[in-house]
PDB file of N, CA and C in Angstrom:
ATOM      1  N   MET A   1     125.153  89.354 105.488  1.00  0.00           N
ATOM      2  CA  MET A   1     124.899  88.548 104.314  1.00  0.00           C
ATOM      3  C   MET A   1     124.322  89.386 103.178  1.00  0.00           C
ATOM      4  N   ASN A   2     123.412  90.289 103.490  1.00  0.00           N
ATOM      5  CA  ASN A   2     122.764  91.100 102.469  1.00  0.00           C
ATOM      6  C   ASN A   2     123.761  92.021 101.770  1.00  0.00           C
ATOM      7  N   GLY A   3     124.673  92.617 102.529  1.00  0.00           N
ATOM      8  CA  GLY A   3     125.683  93.506 101.943  1.00  0.00           C
ATOM      9  C   GLY A   3     126.648  92.760 101.041  1.00  0.00           C
ATOM     10  N   ASN A   4     127.026  91.540 101.446  1.00  0.00           N
ATOM     11  CA  ASN A   4     127.934  90.732 100.637  1.00  0.00           C
ATOM     12  C   ASN A   4     127.271  90.317  99.321  1.00  0.00           C
ATOM     13  N   LEU A   5     125.999  89.934  99.385  1.00  0.00           N
ATOM     14  CA  LEU A   5     125.273  89.550  98.176  1.00  0.00           C
ATOM     15  C   LEU A   5     125.131  90.737  97.227  1.00  0.00           C
ATOM     16  N   LYS A   6     124.825  91.899  97.793  1.00  0.00           N
ATOM     17  CA  LYS A   6     124.684  93.111  96.968  1.00  0.00           C
ATOM     18  C   LYS A   6     126.010  93.436  96.272  1.00  0.00           C
ATOM     19  N   ARG A   7     127.102  93.315  97.001  1.00  0.00           N
ATOM     20  CA  ARG A   7     128.419  93.600  96.429  1.00  0.00           C
ATOM     21  C   ARG A   7     128.748  92.629  95.302  1.00  0.00           C
ATOM     22  N   ARG A   8     128.466  91.343  95.492  1.00  0.00           N
ATOM     23  CA  ARG A   8     128.743  90.339  94.464  1.00  0.00           C
ATOM     24  C   ARG A   8     127.901  90.567  93.213  1.00  0.00           C
ATOM     25  N   VAL A   9     126.634  90.931  93.407  1.00  0.00           N
ATOM     26  CA  VAL A   9     125.763  91.198  92.258  1.00  0.00           C
ATOM     27  C   VAL A   9     126.261  92.417  91.491  1.00  0.00           C
ATOM     28  N   LEU A  10     126.636  93.479  92.195  1.00  0.00           N
ATOM     29  CA  LEU A  10     127.125  94.688  91.530  1.00  0.00           C
ATOM     30  C   LEU A  10     128.443  94.437  90.805  1.00  0.00           C
ATOM     31  N   VAL A  11     129.309  93.627  91.376  1.00  0.00           N
ATOM     32  CA  VAL A  11     130.568  93.300  90.703  1.00  0.00           C
ATOM     33  C   VAL A  11     130.291  92.558  89.401  1.00  0.00           C
ATOM     34  N   ARG A  12     129.347  91.624  89.429  1.00  0.00           N
ATOM     35  CA  ARG A  12     129.008  90.897  88.192  1.00  0.00           C
ATOM     36  C   ARG A  12     128.395  91.818  87.154  1.00  0.00           C
ATOM     37  N   ILE A  13     127.575  92.767  87.594  1.00  0.00           N
ATOM     38  CA  ILE A  13     126.977  93.730  86.661  1.00  0.00           C
ATOM     39  C   ILE A  13     128.068  94.589  86.036  1.00  0.00           C
ATOM     40  N   TYR A  14     128.990  95.092  86.841  1.00  0.00           N
ATOM     41  CA  TYR A  14     130.070  95.934  86.317  1.00  0.00           C
ATOM     42  C   TYR A  14     130.971  95.153  85.368  1.00  0.00           C
ATOM     43  N   LEU A  15     131.278  93.909  85.701  1.00  0.00           N
ATOM     44  CA  LEU A  15     132.114  93.093  84.821  1.00  0.00           C
ATOM     45  C   LEU A  15     131.410  92.803  83.495  1.00  0.00           C
ATOM     46  N   GLU A  16     130.120  92.538  83.541  1.00  0.00           N
ATOM     47  CA  GLU A  16     129.367  92.303  82.304  1.00  0.00           C
ATOM     48  C   GLU A  16     129.324  93.566  81.450  1.00  0.00           C
ATOM     49  N   TYR A  17     129.135  94.714  82.103  1.00  0.00           N
ATOM     50  CA  TYR A  17     129.128  95.981  81.373  1.00  0.00           C
ATOM     51  C   TYR A  17     130.496  96.248  80.737  1.00  0.00           C
ATOM     52  N   ALA A  18     131.569  96.013  81.487  1.00  0.00           N
ATOM     53  CA  ALA A  18     132.919  96.235  80.955  1.00  0.00           C
ATOM     54  C   ALA A  18     133.195  95.288  79.788  1.00  0.00           C
ATOM     55  N   LYS A  19     132.768  94.034  79.901  1.00  0.00           N
ATOM     56  CA  LYS A  19     132.971  93.074  78.808  1.00  0.00           C
ATOM     57  C   LYS A  19     132.216  93.507  77.552  1.00  0.00           C
ATOM     58  N   ASN A  20     130.965  93.910  77.707  1.00  0.00           N
ATOM     59  CA  ASN A  20     130.175  94.342  76.549  1.00  0.00           C
ATOM     60  C   ASN A  20     130.745  95.610  75.927  1.00  0.00           C
ATOM     61  N   THR A  21     131.200  96.537  76.747  1.00  0.00           N
ATOM     62  CA  THR A  21     131.790  97.768  76.230  1.00  0.00           C
ATOM     63  C   THR A  21     133.083  97.468  75.486  1.00  0.00           C
ATOM     64  N   PHE A  22     133.903  96.590  76.035  1.00  0.00           N
ATOM     65  CA  PHE A  22     135.153  96.236  75.364  1.00  0.00           C
ATOM     66  C   PHE A  22     134.893  95.540  74.031  1.00  0.00           C
ATOM     67  N   LEU A  23     133.895  94.675  73.988  1.00  0.00           N
ATOM     68  CA  LEU A  23     133.595  93.972  72.739  1.00  0.00           C
ATOM     69  C   LEU A  23     133.002  94.905  71.688  1.00  0.00           C
ATOM     70  N   ASP A  24     132.296  95.946  72.124  1.00  0.00           N
ATOM     71  CA  ASP A  24     131.714  96.897  71.174  1.00  0.00           C
ATOM     72  C   ASP A  24     132.735  97.907  70.666  1.00  0.00           C
ATOM     73  N   TYR A  25     133.677  98.311  71.510  1.00  0.00           N
ATOM     74  CA  TYR A  25     134.636  99.362  71.153  1.00  0.00           C
ATOM     75  C   TYR A  25     136.074  98.936  71.458  1.00  0.00           C
ATOM     76  N   PRO A  26     136.598  97.903  70.813  1.00  0.00           N
ATOM     77  CA  PRO A  26     137.955  97.451  71.152  1.00  0.00           C
ATOM     78  C   PRO A  26     139.040  98.435  70.722  1.00  0.00           C
ATOM     79  N   ASP A  27     138.777  99.240  69.684  1.00  0.00           N
ATOM     80  CA  ASP A  27     139.797 100.182  69.214  1.00  0.00           C
ATOM     81  C   ASP A  27     140.120 101.237  70.262  1.00  0.00           C
ATOM     82  N   TYR A  28     139.108 101.705  70.964  1.00  0.00           N
ATOM     83  CA  TYR A  28     139.342 102.717  71.991  1.00  0.00           C
ATOM     84  C   TYR A  28     140.180 102.158  73.132  1.00  0.00           C
ATOM     85  N   PHE A  29     139.911 100.928  73.527  1.00  0.00           N
ATOM     86  CA  PHE A  29     140.681 100.333  74.608  1.00  0.00           C
ATOM     87  C   PHE A  29     142.116 100.047  74.184  1.00  0.00           C
ATOM     88  N   MET A  30     142.313  99.612  72.942  1.00  0.00           N
ATOM     89  CA  MET A  30     143.674  99.362  72.464  1.00  0.00           C
ATOM     90  C   MET A  30     144.467 100.662  72.372  1.00  0.00           C
ATOM     91  N   PHE A  31     143.811 101.724  71.909  1.00  0.00           N
ATOM     92  CA  PHE A  31     144.496 103.012  71.855  1.00  0.00           C
ATOM     93  C   PHE A  31     144.826 103.503  73.262  1.00  0.00           C
ATOM     94  N   GLY A  32     143.902 103.344  74.194  1.00  0.00           N
ATOM     95  CA  GLY A  32     144.167 103.733  75.582  1.00  0.00           C
ATOM     96  C   GLY A  32     145.309 102.936  76.187  1.00  0.00           C
ATOM     97  N   LEU A  33     145.349 101.637  75.914  1.00  0.00           N
ATOM     98  CA  LEU A  33     146.449 100.801  76.394  1.00  0.00           C
ATOM     99  C   LEU A  33     147.774 101.242  75.793  1.00  0.00           C
ATOM    100  N   PHE A  34     147.761 101.582  74.509  1.00  0.00           N
ATOM    101  CA  PHE A  34     148.963 102.064  73.834  1.00  0.00           C
ATOM    102  C   PHE A  34     149.465 103.357  74.474  1.00  0.00           C
ATOM    103  N   VAL A  35     148.562 104.300  74.722  1.00  0.00           N
ATOM    104  CA  VAL A  35     148.957 105.594  75.295  1.00  0.00           C
ATOM    105  C   VAL A  35     149.477 105.421  76.715  1.00  0.00           C
ATOM    106  N   VAL A  36     148.764 104.669  77.537  1.00  0.00           N
ATOM    107  CA  VAL A  36     149.187 104.488  78.934  1.00  0.00           C
ATOM    108  C   VAL A  36     150.531 103.773  79.007  1.00  0.00           C
ATOM    109  N   THR A  37     150.705 102.717  78.241  1.00  0.00           N
ATOM    110  CA  THR A  37     151.973 101.988  78.257  1.00  0.00           C
ATOM    111  C   THR A  37     153.109 102.843  77.721  1.00  0.00           C
ATOM    112  N   SER A  38     152.835 103.620  76.685  1.00  0.00           N
ATOM    113  CA  SER A  38     153.875 104.487  76.125  1.00  0.00           C
ATOM    114  C   SER A  38     154.334 105.521  77.136  1.00  0.00           C
ATOM    115  N   PHE A  39     153.381 106.141  77.827  1.00  0.00           N
ATOM    116  CA  PHE A  39     153.760 107.175  78.778  1.00  0.00           C
ATOM    117  C   PHE A  39     154.439 106.612  80.019  1.00  0.00           C
ATOM    118  N   THR A  40     154.189 105.357  80.346  1.00  0.00           N
ATOM    119  CA  THR A  40     154.875 104.792  81.501  1.00  0.00           C
ATOM    120  C   THR A  40     156.271 104.289  81.160  1.00  0.00           C
ATOM    121  N   LEU A  41     156.502 103.916  79.893  1.00  0.00           N
ATOM    122  CA  LEU A  41     157.794 103.337  79.529  1.00  0.00           C
ATOM    123  C   LEU A  41     158.715 104.280  78.763  1.00  0.00           C
ATOM    124  N   VAL A  42     158.195 105.382  78.235  1.00  0.00           N
ATOM    125  CA  VAL A  42     158.994 106.298  77.426  1.00  0.00           C
ATOM    126  C   VAL A  42     159.092 107.631  78.158  1.00  0.00           C
ATOM    127  N   SER A  43     160.285 108.190  78.197  1.00  0.00           N
ATOM    128  CA  SER A  43     160.482 109.499  78.802  1.00  0.00           C
ATOM    129  C   SER A  43     160.111 110.577  77.782  1.00  0.00           C
ATOM    130  N   VAL A  44     158.961 111.196  77.993  1.00  0.00           N
ATOM    131  CA  VAL A  44     158.461 112.191  77.046  1.00  0.00           C
ATOM    132  C   VAL A  44     159.382 113.403  77.014  1.00  0.00           C
ATOM    133  N   ARG A  45     159.924 113.786  78.149  1.00  0.00           N
ATOM    134  CA  ARG A  45     160.808 114.951  78.199  1.00  0.00           C
ATOM    135  C   ARG A  45     162.060 114.728  77.348  1.00  0.00           C
ATOM    136  N   ASP A  46     162.652 113.534  77.436  1.00  0.00           N
ATOM    137  CA  ASP A  46     163.836 113.244  76.617  1.00  0.00           C
ATOM    138  C   ASP A  46     163.514 113.256  75.129  1.00  0.00           C
ATOM    139  N   VAL A  47     162.354 112.738  74.767  1.00  0.00           N
ATOM    140  CA  VAL A  47     161.961 112.737  73.354  1.00  0.00           C
ATOM    141  C   VAL A  47     161.787 114.164  72.854  1.00  0.00           C
ATOM    142  N   LEU A  48     161.133 115.016  73.637  1.00  0.00           N
ATOM    143  CA  LEU A  48     160.927 116.406  73.212  1.00  0.00           C
ATOM    144  C   LEU A  48     162.242 117.165  73.101  1.00  0.00           C
ATOM    145  N   VAL A  49     163.177 116.912  74.012  1.00  0.00           N
ATOM    146  CA  VAL A  49     164.485 117.565  73.936  1.00  0.00           C
ATOM    147  C   VAL A  49     165.221 117.118  72.678  1.00  0.00           C
ATOM    148  N   ASN A  50     165.176 115.829  72.378  1.00  0.00           N
ATOM    149  CA  ASN A  50     165.865 115.325  71.187  1.00  0.00           C
ATOM    150  C   ASN A  50     165.211 115.813  69.898  1.00  0.00           C
ATOM    151  N   ILE A  51     163.899 115.920  69.871  1.00  0.00           N
ATOM    152  CA  ILE A  51     163.219 116.417  68.672  1.00  0.00           C
ATOM    153  C   ILE A  51     163.554 117.883  68.439  1.00  0.00           C
ATOM    154  N   SER A  52     163.665 118.658  69.505  1.00  0.00           N
ATOM    155  CA  SER A  52     163.966 120.080  69.335  1.00  0.00           C
ATOM    156  C   SER A  52     165.380 120.306  68.804  1.00  0.00           C
ATOM    157  N   ASN A  53     166.267 119.330  68.930  1.00  0.00           N
ATOM    158  CA  ASN A  53     167.633 119.467  68.420  1.00  0.00           C
ATOM    159  C   ASN A  53     167.781 119.043  66.964  1.00  0.00           C
ATOM    160  N   LEU A  54     166.716 118.567  66.340  1.00  0.00           N
ATOM    161  CA  LEU A  54     166.801 118.143  64.940  1.00  0.00           C
ATOM    162  C   LEU A  54     166.883 119.352  64.016  1.00  0.00           C
ATOM    163  N   PRO A  55     167.693 119.260  62.959  1.00  0.00           N
ATOM    164  CA  PRO A  55     167.704 120.347  61.974  1.00  0.00           C
ATOM    165  C   PRO A  55     166.397 120.357  61.182  1.00  0.00           C
ATOM    166  N   ILE A  56     165.958 121.544  60.811  1.00  0.00           N
ATOM    167  CA  ILE A  56     164.668 121.705  60.146  1.00  0.00           C
ATOM    168  C   ILE A  56     164.778 121.502  58.640  1.00  0.00           C
ATOM    169  N   THR A  57     165.964 121.543  58.096  1.00  0.00           N
ATOM    170  CA  THR A  57     166.129 121.589  56.644  1.00  0.00           C
ATOM    171  C   THR A  57     165.830 120.279  55.929  1.00  0.00           C
ATOM    172  N   ASP A  58     166.076 119.139  56.540  1.00  0.00           N
ATOM    173  CA  ASP A  58     165.995 117.883  55.808  1.00  0.00           C
ATOM    174  C   ASP A  58     165.143 116.873  56.574  1.00  0.00           C
ATOM    175  N   LEU A  59     164.262 116.169  55.862  1.00  0.00           N
ATOM    176  CA  LEU A  59     163.406 115.176  56.499  1.00  0.00           C
ATOM    177  C   LEU A  59     164.125 113.862  56.779  1.00  0.00           C
ATOM    178  N   SER A  60     165.285 113.657  56.169  1.00  0.00           N
ATOM    179  CA  SER A  60     166.005 112.412  56.430  1.00  0.00           C
ATOM    180  C   SER A  60     166.488 112.354  57.882  1.00  0.00           C
ATOM    181  N   TYR A  61     166.798 113.505  58.474  1.00  0.00           N
ATOM    182  CA  TYR A  61     167.177 113.530  59.890  1.00  0.00           C
ATOM    183  C   TYR A  61     166.012 113.071  60.761  1.00  0.00           C
ATOM    184  N   ASP A  62     164.816 113.518  60.409  1.00  0.00           N
ATOM    185  CA  ASP A  62     163.639 113.112  61.176  1.00  0.00           C
ATOM    186  C   ASP A  62     163.414 111.607  61.081  1.00  0.00           C
ATOM    187  N   PHE A  63     163.506 111.076  59.863  1.00  0.00           N
ATOM    188  CA  PHE A  63     163.319 109.637  59.674  1.00  0.00           C
ATOM    189  C   PHE A  63     164.376 108.848  60.444  1.00  0.00           C
ATOM    190  N   ASN A  64     165.634 109.266  60.357  1.00  0.00           N
ATOM    191  CA  ASN A  64     166.704 108.572  61.085  1.00  0.00           C
ATOM    192  C   ASN A  64     166.495 108.654  62.589  1.00  0.00           C
ATOM    193  N   PHE A  65     166.040 109.811  63.074  1.00  0.00           N
ATOM    194  CA  PHE A  65     165.784 109.966  64.503  1.00  0.00           C
ATOM    195  C   PHE A  65     164.713 108.982  64.970  1.00  0.00           C
ATOM    196  N   PHE A  66     163.615 108.913  64.229  1.00  0.00           N
ATOM    197  CA  PHE A  66     162.534 108.027  64.648  1.00  0.00           C
ATOM    198  C   PHE A  66     162.920 106.556  64.520  1.00  0.00           C
ATOM    199  N   MET A  67     163.720 106.206  63.523  1.00  0.00           N
ATOM    200  CA  MET A  67     164.158 104.821  63.394  1.00  0.00           C
ATOM    201  C   MET A  67     165.103 104.430  64.535  1.00  0.00           C
ATOM    202  N   VAL A  68     166.042 105.313  64.873  1.00  0.00           N
ATOM    203  CA  VAL A  68     166.957 105.025  65.983  1.00  0.00           C
ATOM    204  C   VAL A  68     166.192 104.971  67.301  1.00  0.00           C
ATOM    205  N   ALA A  69     165.234 105.895  67.474  1.00  0.00           N
ATOM    206  CA  ALA A  69     164.436 105.890  68.698  1.00  0.00           C
ATOM    207  C   ALA A  69     163.613 104.612  68.805  1.00  0.00           C
ATOM    208  N   LEU A  70     163.058 104.163  67.698  1.00  0.00           N
ATOM    209  CA  LEU A  70     162.257 102.941  67.716  1.00  0.00           C
ATOM    210  C   LEU A  70     163.119 101.718  67.998  1.00  0.00           C
ATOM    211  N   LEU A  71     164.301 101.657  67.396  1.00  0.00           N
ATOM    212  CA  LEU A  71     165.165 100.497  67.593  1.00  0.00           C
ATOM    213  C   LEU A  71     165.758 100.441  68.996  1.00  0.00           C
ATOM    214  N   ASN A  72     165.876 101.587  69.668  1.00  0.00           N
ATOM    215  CA  ASN A  72     166.482 101.613  70.998  1.00  0.00           C
ATOM    216  C   ASN A  72     165.460 101.628  72.126  1.00  0.00           C
ATOM    217  N   THR A  73     164.185 101.389  71.820  1.00  0.00           N
ATOM    218  CA  THR A  73     163.181 101.299  72.877  1.00  0.00           C
ATOM    219  C   THR A  73     162.996  99.845  73.275  1.00  0.00           C
ATOM    220  N   SER A  74     162.237  99.638  74.322  1.00  0.00           N
ATOM    221  CA  SER A  74     161.989  98.270  74.784  1.00  0.00           C
ATOM    222  C   SER A  74     161.090  97.534  73.798  1.00  0.00           C
ATOM    223  N   TRP A  75     161.102  96.242  73.867  1.00  0.00           N
ATOM    224  CA  TRP A  75     160.352  95.434  72.909  1.00  0.00           C
ATOM    225  C   TRP A  75     158.852  95.613  73.080  1.00  0.00           C
ATOM    226  N   ILE A  76     158.410  95.975  74.280  1.00  0.00           N
ATOM    227  CA  ILE A  76     156.976  96.191  74.504  1.00  0.00           C
ATOM    228  C   ILE A  76     156.484  97.355  73.660  1.00  0.00           C
ATOM    229  N   ILE A  77     157.231  98.443  73.671  1.00  0.00           N
ATOM    230  CA  ILE A  77     156.847  99.613  72.879  1.00  0.00           C
ATOM    231  C   ILE A  77     156.925  99.289  71.393  1.00  0.00           C
ATOM    232  N   GLN A  78     157.934  98.538  70.973  1.00  0.00           N
ATOM    233  CA  GLN A  78     158.037  98.166  69.558  1.00  0.00           C
ATOM    234  C   GLN A  78     156.833  97.341  69.114  1.00  0.00           C
ATOM    235  N   VAL A  79     156.402  96.402  69.960  1.00  0.00           N
ATOM    236  CA  VAL A  79     155.232  95.589  69.629  1.00  0.00           C
ATOM    237  C   VAL A  79     153.977  96.451  69.591  1.00  0.00           C
ATOM    238  N   LEU A  80     153.837  97.367  70.549  1.00  0.00           N
ATOM    239  CA  LEU A  80     152.661  98.240  70.563  1.00  0.00           C
ATOM    240  C   LEU A  80     152.610  99.142  69.336  1.00  0.00           C
ATOM    241  N   ILE A  81     153.747  99.698  68.947  1.00  0.00           N
ATOM    242  CA  ILE A  81     153.775 100.570  67.767  1.00  0.00           C
ATOM    243  C   ILE A  81     153.467  99.763  66.510  1.00  0.00           C
ATOM    244  N   ALA A  82     154.046  98.575  66.396  1.00  0.00           N
ATOM    245  CA  ALA A  82     153.760  97.735  65.228  1.00  0.00           C
ATOM    246  C   ALA A  82     152.285  97.350  65.184  1.00  0.00           C
ATOM    247  N   GLY A  83     151.723  96.983  66.321  1.00  0.00           N
ATOM    248  CA  GLY A  83     150.302  96.649  66.365  1.00  0.00           C
ATOM    249  C   GLY A  83     149.417  97.828  66.031  1.00  0.00           C
ATOM    250  N   PHE A  84     149.807  99.004  66.500  1.00  0.00           N
ATOM    251  CA  PHE A  84     149.041 100.216  66.199  1.00  0.00           C
ATOM    252  C   PHE A  84     149.042 100.491  64.697  1.00  0.00           C
ATOM    253  N   PHE A  85     150.206 100.360  64.052  1.00  0.00           N
ATOM    254  CA  PHE A  85     150.275 100.597  62.610  1.00  0.00           C
ATOM    255  C   PHE A  85     149.526  99.523  61.816  1.00  0.00           C
ATOM    256  N   VAL A  86     149.636  98.272  62.224  1.00  0.00           N
ATOM    257  CA  VAL A  86     148.911  97.204  61.528  1.00  0.00           C
ATOM    258  C   VAL A  86     147.412  97.418  61.653  1.00  0.00           C
ATOM    259  N   ARG A  87     146.956  97.763  62.847  1.00  0.00           N
ATOM    260  CA  ARG A  87     145.525  98.010  63.063  1.00  0.00           C
ATOM    261  C   ARG A  87     145.056  99.198  62.227  1.00  0.00           C
ATOM    262  N   THR A  88     145.845 100.258  62.164  1.00  0.00           N
ATOM    263  CA  THR A  88     145.482 101.428  61.367  1.00  0.00           C
ATOM    264  C   THR A  88     145.405 101.079  59.885  1.00  0.00           C
ATOM    265  N   ILE A  89     146.347 100.298  59.400  1.00  0.00           N
ATOM    266  CA  ILE A  89     146.341  99.908  57.988  1.00  0.00           C
ATOM    267  C   ILE A  89     145.126  99.040  57.677  1.00  0.00           C
ATOM    268  N   LEU A  90     144.813  98.082  58.554  1.00  0.00           N
ATOM    269  CA  LEU A  90     143.662  97.214  58.312  1.00  0.00           C
ATOM    270  C   LEU A  90     142.351  97.995  58.306  1.00  0.00           C
ATOM    271  N   ILE A  91     142.205  98.937  59.228  1.00  0.00           N
ATOM    272  CA  ILE A  91     140.983  99.746  59.260  1.00  0.00           C
ATOM    273  C   ILE A  91     140.912 100.633  58.029  1.00  0.00           C
ATOM    274  N   SER A  92     142.034 101.171  57.581  1.00  0.00           N
ATOM    275  CA  SER A  92     142.036 102.009  56.375  1.00  0.00           C
ATOM    276  C   SER A  92     141.635 101.202  55.146  1.00  0.00           C
ATOM    277  N   ILE A  93     142.140  99.987  55.028  1.00  0.00           N
ATOM    278  CA  ILE A  93     141.770  99.135  53.894  1.00  0.00           C
ATOM    279  C   ILE A  93     140.278  98.803  53.939  1.00  0.00           C
ATOM    280  N   LYS A  94     139.789  98.461  55.123  1.00  0.00           N
ATOM    281  CA  LYS A  94     138.368  98.136  55.269  1.00  0.00           C
ATOM    282  C   LYS A  94     137.497  99.346  54.938  1.00  0.00           C
ATOM    283  N   PHE A  95     137.882 100.511  55.437  1.00  0.00           N
ATOM    284  CA  PHE A  95     137.131 101.738  55.178  1.00  0.00           C
ATOM    285  C   PHE A  95     137.159 102.085  53.695  1.00  0.00           C
ATOM    286  N   GLY A  96     138.317 101.963  53.071  1.00  0.00           N
ATOM    287  CA  GLY A  96     138.428 102.259  51.646  1.00  0.00           C
ATOM    288  C   GLY A  96     137.607 101.313  50.801  1.00  0.00           C
ATOM    289  N   TYR A  97     137.642 100.024  51.114  1.00  0.00           N
ATOM    290  CA  TYR A  97     136.857  99.056  50.349  1.00  0.00           C
ATOM    291  C   TYR A  97     135.364  99.308  50.514  1.00  0.00           C
ATOM    292  N   LYS A  98     134.948  99.629  51.748  1.00  0.00           N
ATOM    293  CA  LYS A  98     133.537  99.892  51.991  1.00  0.00           C
ATOM    294  C   LYS A  98     133.073 101.120  51.207  1.00  0.00           C
ATOM    295  N   ASN A  99     133.904 102.149  51.152  1.00  0.00           N
ATOM    296  CA  ASN A  99     133.512 103.362  50.440  1.00  0.00           C
ATOM    297  C   ASN A  99     133.528 103.168  48.928  1.00  0.00           C
ATOM    298  N   ILE A 100     134.448 102.364  48.425  1.00  0.00           N
ATOM    299  CA  ILE A 100     134.482 102.103  46.983  1.00  0.00           C
ATOM    300  C   ILE A 100     133.261 101.283  46.573  1.00  0.00           C
ATOM    301  N   SER A 101     132.934 100.285  47.367  1.00  0.00           N
ATOM    302  CA  SER A 101     131.837  99.401  46.989  1.00  0.00           C
ATOM    303  C   SER A 101     130.465 100.001  47.269  1.00  0.00           C
ATOM    304  N   SER A 102     130.380 101.076  48.040  1.00  0.00           N
ATOM    305  CA  SER A 102     129.080 101.663  48.368  1.00  0.00           C
ATOM    306  C   SER A 102     128.764 102.892  47.529  1.00  0.00           C
ATOM    307  N   LYS A 103     129.476 103.088  46.447  1.00  0.00           N
ATOM    308  CA  LYS A 103     129.242 104.229  45.545  1.00  0.00           C
ATOM    309  C   LYS A 103     129.398 105.563  46.276  1.00  0.00           C
ATOM    310  N   TRP A 104     130.455 105.653  47.045  1.00  0.00           N
ATOM    311  CA  TRP A 104     130.741 106.888  47.773  1.00  0.00           C
ATOM    312  C   TRP A 104     131.046 107.982  46.766  1.00  0.00           C
ATOM    313  N   PHE A 105     130.662 109.226  47.047  1.00  0.00           N
ATOM    314  CA  PHE A 105     130.807 110.305  46.065  1.00  0.00           C
ATOM    315  C   PHE A 105     132.259 110.545  45.677  1.00  0.00           C
ATOM    316  N   LEU A 106     133.195 110.330  46.592  1.00  0.00           N
ATOM    317  CA  LEU A 106     134.598 110.549  46.266  1.00  0.00           C
ATOM    318  C   LEU A 106     135.114 109.473  45.308  1.00  0.00           C
ATOM    319  N   SER A 107     134.518 108.286  45.367  1.00  0.00           N
ATOM    320  CA  SER A 107     134.958 107.237  44.446  1.00  0.00           C
ATOM    321  C   SER A 107     134.555 107.553  43.014  1.00  0.00           C
ATOM    322  N   LYS A 108     133.566 108.421  42.829  1.00  0.00           N
ATOM    323  CA  LYS A 108     133.210 108.849  41.477  1.00  0.00           C
ATOM    324  C   LYS A 108     134.222 109.857  40.943  1.00  0.00           C
ATOM    325  N   LEU A 109     134.806 110.657  41.848  1.00  0.00           N
ATOM    326  CA  LEU A 109     135.793 111.647  41.432  1.00  0.00           C
ATOM    327  C   LEU A 109     137.150 111.009  41.149  1.00  0.00           C
ATOM    328  N   ILE A 110     137.503 110.015  41.928  1.00  0.00           N
ATOM    329  CA  ILE A 110     138.796 109.348  41.782  1.00  0.00           C
ATOM    330  C   ILE A 110     138.545 107.988  41.145  1.00  0.00           C
ATOM    331  N   LYS A 111     139.196 107.728  40.065  1.00  0.00           N
ATOM    332  CA  LYS A 111     139.007 106.457  39.367  1.00  0.00           C
ATOM    333  C   LYS A 111     139.887 105.395  40.025  1.00  0.00           C
ATOM    334  N   PHE A 112     139.277 104.563  40.847  1.00  0.00           N
ATOM    335  CA  PHE A 112     140.009 103.485  41.492  1.00  0.00           C
ATOM    336  C   PHE A 112     140.106 102.301  40.538  1.00  0.00           C
ATOM    337  N   ARG A 113     141.275 101.702  40.483  1.00  0.00           N
ATOM    338  CA  ARG A 113     141.468 100.515  39.656  1.00  0.00           C
ATOM    339  C   ARG A 113     141.863  99.369  40.566  1.00  0.00           C
ATOM    340  N   TYR A 114     141.088  98.331  40.526  1.00  0.00           N
ATOM    341  CA  TYR A 114     141.374  97.155  41.330  1.00  0.00           C
ATOM    342  C   TYR A 114     140.963  95.906  40.612  1.00  0.00           C
TER     343      TYR A 114
END
């Protein structure tokens, strides 16, 4: 009985710690989920082989490669990539607004108009 009670108490402590950590740092967990899911669903070797075959002279080949690669992946990866970009854009907007409104030294050098 004592061992079972100890195990149940420790499980609740670990779950509470994991919940608090996730609520404090959700960006790290989302990035980790993105990386783990990407590596399990995407063949990294095939991507590297295809990237090495791209011509170096023009960036339009790179853009077309990434668009075709994105359109031909599974919907899970497409949703993860879209969520990653949306999250990055939202954090950038929040960071930029905070720095503009807090009299950040760079905002004095660059004349922001809003």
